[in-house]
Structures are given as structure tokens and as C-alpha cells.
Amino acid sequence: MKKKQRTSRTKARSAAELDARHDAGVDLSAHMDLDKSARPGRAVQRVNVDFPVDVLREIDQEARRLGVTRQAFIKVRLADSLVKSH
């Protein structure tokens, strides 16, 4: 009978050991499979939006100033507007 090969990059650790390492501030990212991670309730749906060229220039300028992408800037500004309106 073949022994099942491990696909993990790290050796198996108990929950208690991982808890202790977390409490000590150790980076546990090597123990996570981020390819399968998801944020419950945060499904994404792609949309297309048309902007006037002059508005896009302003968005791009502000995004560069903040050091973020155009998409990140638009998402944050829309989210901020929605929070303020409630």
C-alpha cells in the first residue's frame, strides 16, 4: 500500500502548537492554503462602467498620488460614499 504523500510545505502541527505560535507572533502563512481561501458574504461580480475621459484622468491622478491602482481607488471611494450615505 502506498503511503499518501503530503502536499503541504510544512510539517503537520497540532492546533495547540499553532495557537502558541500565533500568540508568540510567528508568521503562520506557510501553514495556510490561500488558494482555497474565501471571504464569506463577499462574493464578487464583475461590472463595466463608462467614465468620461476627463474624469478618468482625475481618478488616475488621485490614484497615483495615493499609490493605488485605478480599480482600488474607485472601489474605496464608492464604498466610502455608501457608508456616508447610510
C-alpha atoms as a PDB file:
ATOM      1  CA  MET A   1       0.000   0.000   0.000  1.00  0.00           C
ATOM      2  CA  LYS A   2       1.377   3.390  -0.993  1.00  0.00           C
ATOM      3  CA  LYS A   3       1.829   5.993   1.676  1.00  0.00           C
ATOM      4  CA  LYS A   4      -0.116   9.183   0.978  1.00  0.00           C
ATOM      5  CA  GLN A   5       2.249  11.978   0.008  1.00  0.00           C
ATOM      6  CA  ARG A   6       1.963  15.269   1.792  1.00  0.00           C
ATOM      7  CA  THR A   7       1.352  18.292  -0.374  1.00  0.00           C
ATOM      8  CA  SER A   8       1.943  20.794   2.414  1.00  0.00           C
ATOM      9  CA  ARG A   9       5.123  22.850   2.503  1.00  0.00           C
ATOM     10  CA  THR A  10       5.388  22.390   6.267  1.00  0.00           C
ATOM     11  CA  LYS A  11       5.153  19.543   8.726  1.00  0.00           C
ATOM     12  CA  ALA A  12       1.840  18.859  10.428  1.00  0.00           C
ATOM     13  CA  ARG A  13       1.318  20.764  13.664  1.00  0.00           C
ATOM     14  CA  SER A  14      -1.324  20.422  16.336  1.00  0.00           C
ATOM     15  CA  ALA A  15      -3.908  23.134  16.868  1.00  0.00           C
ATOM     16  CA  ALA A  16      -2.392  23.871  20.272  1.00  0.00           C
ATOM     17  CA  GLU A  17       1.057  24.315  18.733  1.00  0.00           C
ATOM     18  CA  LEU A  18      -0.307  26.622  16.038  1.00  0.00           C
ATOM     19  CA  ASP A  19      -2.167  28.619  18.709  1.00  0.00           C
ATOM     20  CA  ALA A  20       1.029  29.007  20.708  1.00  0.00           C
ATOM     21  CA  ARG A  21       2.990  30.078  17.626  1.00  0.00           C
ATOM     22  CA  HIS A  22       0.256  32.589  16.730  1.00  0.00           C
ATOM     23  CA  ASP A  23       0.265  34.006  20.260  1.00  0.00           C
ATOM     24  CA  ALA A  24       4.050  34.370  20.009  1.00  0.00           C
ATOM     25  CA  GLY A  25       3.661  36.422  16.822  1.00  0.00           C
ATOM     26  CA  VAL A  26       5.086  33.811  14.452  1.00  0.00           C
ATOM     27  CA  ASP A  27       4.075  34.147  10.773  1.00  0.00           C
ATOM     28  CA  LEU A  28       1.739  31.227  10.076  1.00  0.00           C
ATOM     29  CA  SER A  29       1.142  31.911   6.384  1.00  0.00           C
ATOM     30  CA  ALA A  30       3.191  28.849   5.373  1.00  0.00           C
ATOM     31  CA  HIS A  31       0.537  26.713   7.087  1.00  0.00           C
ATOM     32  CA  MET A  32      -2.363  28.177   5.092  1.00  0.00           C
ATOM     33  CA  ASP A  33      -3.711  27.187   1.704  1.00  0.00           C
ATOM     34  CA  LEU A  34      -4.608  30.641   0.411  1.00  0.00           C
ATOM     35  CA  ASP A  35      -5.727  29.247  -2.955  1.00  0.00           C
ATOM     36  CA  LYS A  36      -8.843  27.932  -1.241  1.00  0.00           C
ATOM     37  CA  SER A  37      -9.482  30.928   0.987  1.00  0.00           C
ATOM     38  CA  ALA A  38     -12.668  32.945   0.667  1.00  0.00           C
ATOM     39  CA  ARG A  39     -14.410  35.759   2.473  1.00  0.00           C
ATOM     40  CA  PRO A  40     -17.936  34.653   3.351  1.00  0.00           C
ATOM     41  CA  GLY A  41     -20.576  37.091   2.194  1.00  0.00           C
ATOM     42  CA  ARG A  42     -18.138  38.873  -0.118  1.00  0.00           C
ATOM     43  CA  ALA A  43     -18.888  37.294  -3.494  1.00  0.00           C
ATOM     44  CA  VAL A  44     -17.555  39.337  -6.394  1.00  0.00           C
ATOM     45  CA  GLN A  45     -19.414  40.270  -9.549  1.00  0.00           C
ATOM     46  CA  ARG A  46     -17.591  41.971 -12.391  1.00  0.00           C
ATOM     47  CA  VAL A  47     -19.150  45.153 -13.809  1.00  0.00           C
ATOM     48  CA  ASN A  48     -18.219  47.526 -16.599  1.00  0.00           C
ATOM     49  CA  VAL A  49     -18.534  51.262 -16.076  1.00  0.00           C
ATOM     50  CA  ASP A  50     -18.003  54.007 -18.636  1.00  0.00           C
ATOM     51  CA  PHE A  51     -16.388  57.242 -17.413  1.00  0.00           C
ATOM     52  CA  PRO A  52     -15.757  60.465 -19.293  1.00  0.00           C
ATOM     53  CA  VAL A  53     -12.079  60.791 -20.206  1.00  0.00           C
ATOM     54  CA  ASP A  54     -11.580  63.885 -18.038  1.00  0.00           C
ATOM     55  CA  VAL A  55     -12.999  62.042 -15.001  1.00  0.00           C
ATOM     56  CA  LEU A  56     -10.680  59.100 -15.669  1.00  0.00           C
ATOM     57  CA  ARG A  57      -7.707  61.459 -15.797  1.00  0.00           C
ATOM     58  CA  GLU A  58      -8.647  62.838 -12.380  1.00  0.00           C
ATOM     59  CA  ILE A  59      -9.180  59.338 -10.986  1.00  0.00           C
ATOM     60  CA  ASP A  60      -5.803  58.211 -12.315  1.00  0.00           C
ATOM     61  CA  GLN A  61      -4.067  61.300 -10.947  1.00  0.00           C
ATOM     62  CA  GLU A  62      -5.539  60.797  -7.477  1.00  0.00           C
ATOM     63  CA  ALA A  63      -4.841  57.049  -7.553  1.00  0.00           C
ATOM     64  CA  ARG A  64      -1.186  57.730  -8.431  1.00  0.00           C
ATOM     65  CA  ARG A  65      -0.949  60.299  -5.644  1.00  0.00           C
ATOM     66  CA  LEU A  66      -2.234  57.713  -3.170  1.00  0.00           C
ATOM     67  CA  GLY A  67      -0.100  54.926  -4.636  1.00  0.00           C
ATOM     68  CA  VAL A  68      -3.020  52.653  -5.511  1.00  0.00           C
ATOM     69  CA  THR A  69      -4.482  51.261  -8.703  1.00  0.00           C
ATOM     70  CA  ARG A  70      -7.379  52.883 -10.510  1.00  0.00           C
ATOM     71  CA  GLN A  71      -9.611  49.962  -9.551  1.00  0.00           C
ATOM     72  CA  ALA A  72      -8.652  50.152  -5.877  1.00  0.00           C
ATOM     73  CA  PHE A  73      -9.288  53.893  -5.823  1.00  0.00           C
ATOM     74  CA  ILE A  74     -12.740  53.524  -7.387  1.00  0.00           C
ATOM     75  CA  LYS A  75     -13.700  50.693  -5.010  1.00  0.00           C
ATOM     76  CA  VAL A  76     -12.644  52.627  -1.915  1.00  0.00           C
ATOM     77  CA  ARG A  77     -14.336  55.859  -2.971  1.00  0.00           C
ATOM     78  CA  LEU A  78     -17.589  54.064  -3.796  1.00  0.00           C
ATOM     79  CA  ALA A  79     -17.515  52.143  -0.519  1.00  0.00           C
ATOM     80  CA  ASP A  80     -16.834  55.378   1.413  1.00  0.00           C
ATOM     81  CA  SER A  81     -19.739  57.092  -0.336  1.00  0.00           C
ATOM     82  CA  LEU A  82     -22.089  54.247   0.526  1.00  0.00           C
ATOM     83  CA  VAL A  83     -21.046  54.248   4.183  1.00  0.00           C
ATOM     84  CA  LYS A  84     -21.547  58.015   4.440  1.00  0.00           C
ATOM     85  CA  SER A  85     -24.992  57.819   2.850  1.00  0.00           C
ATOM     86  CA  HIS A  86     -26.342  55.416   5.498  1.00  0.00           C
END
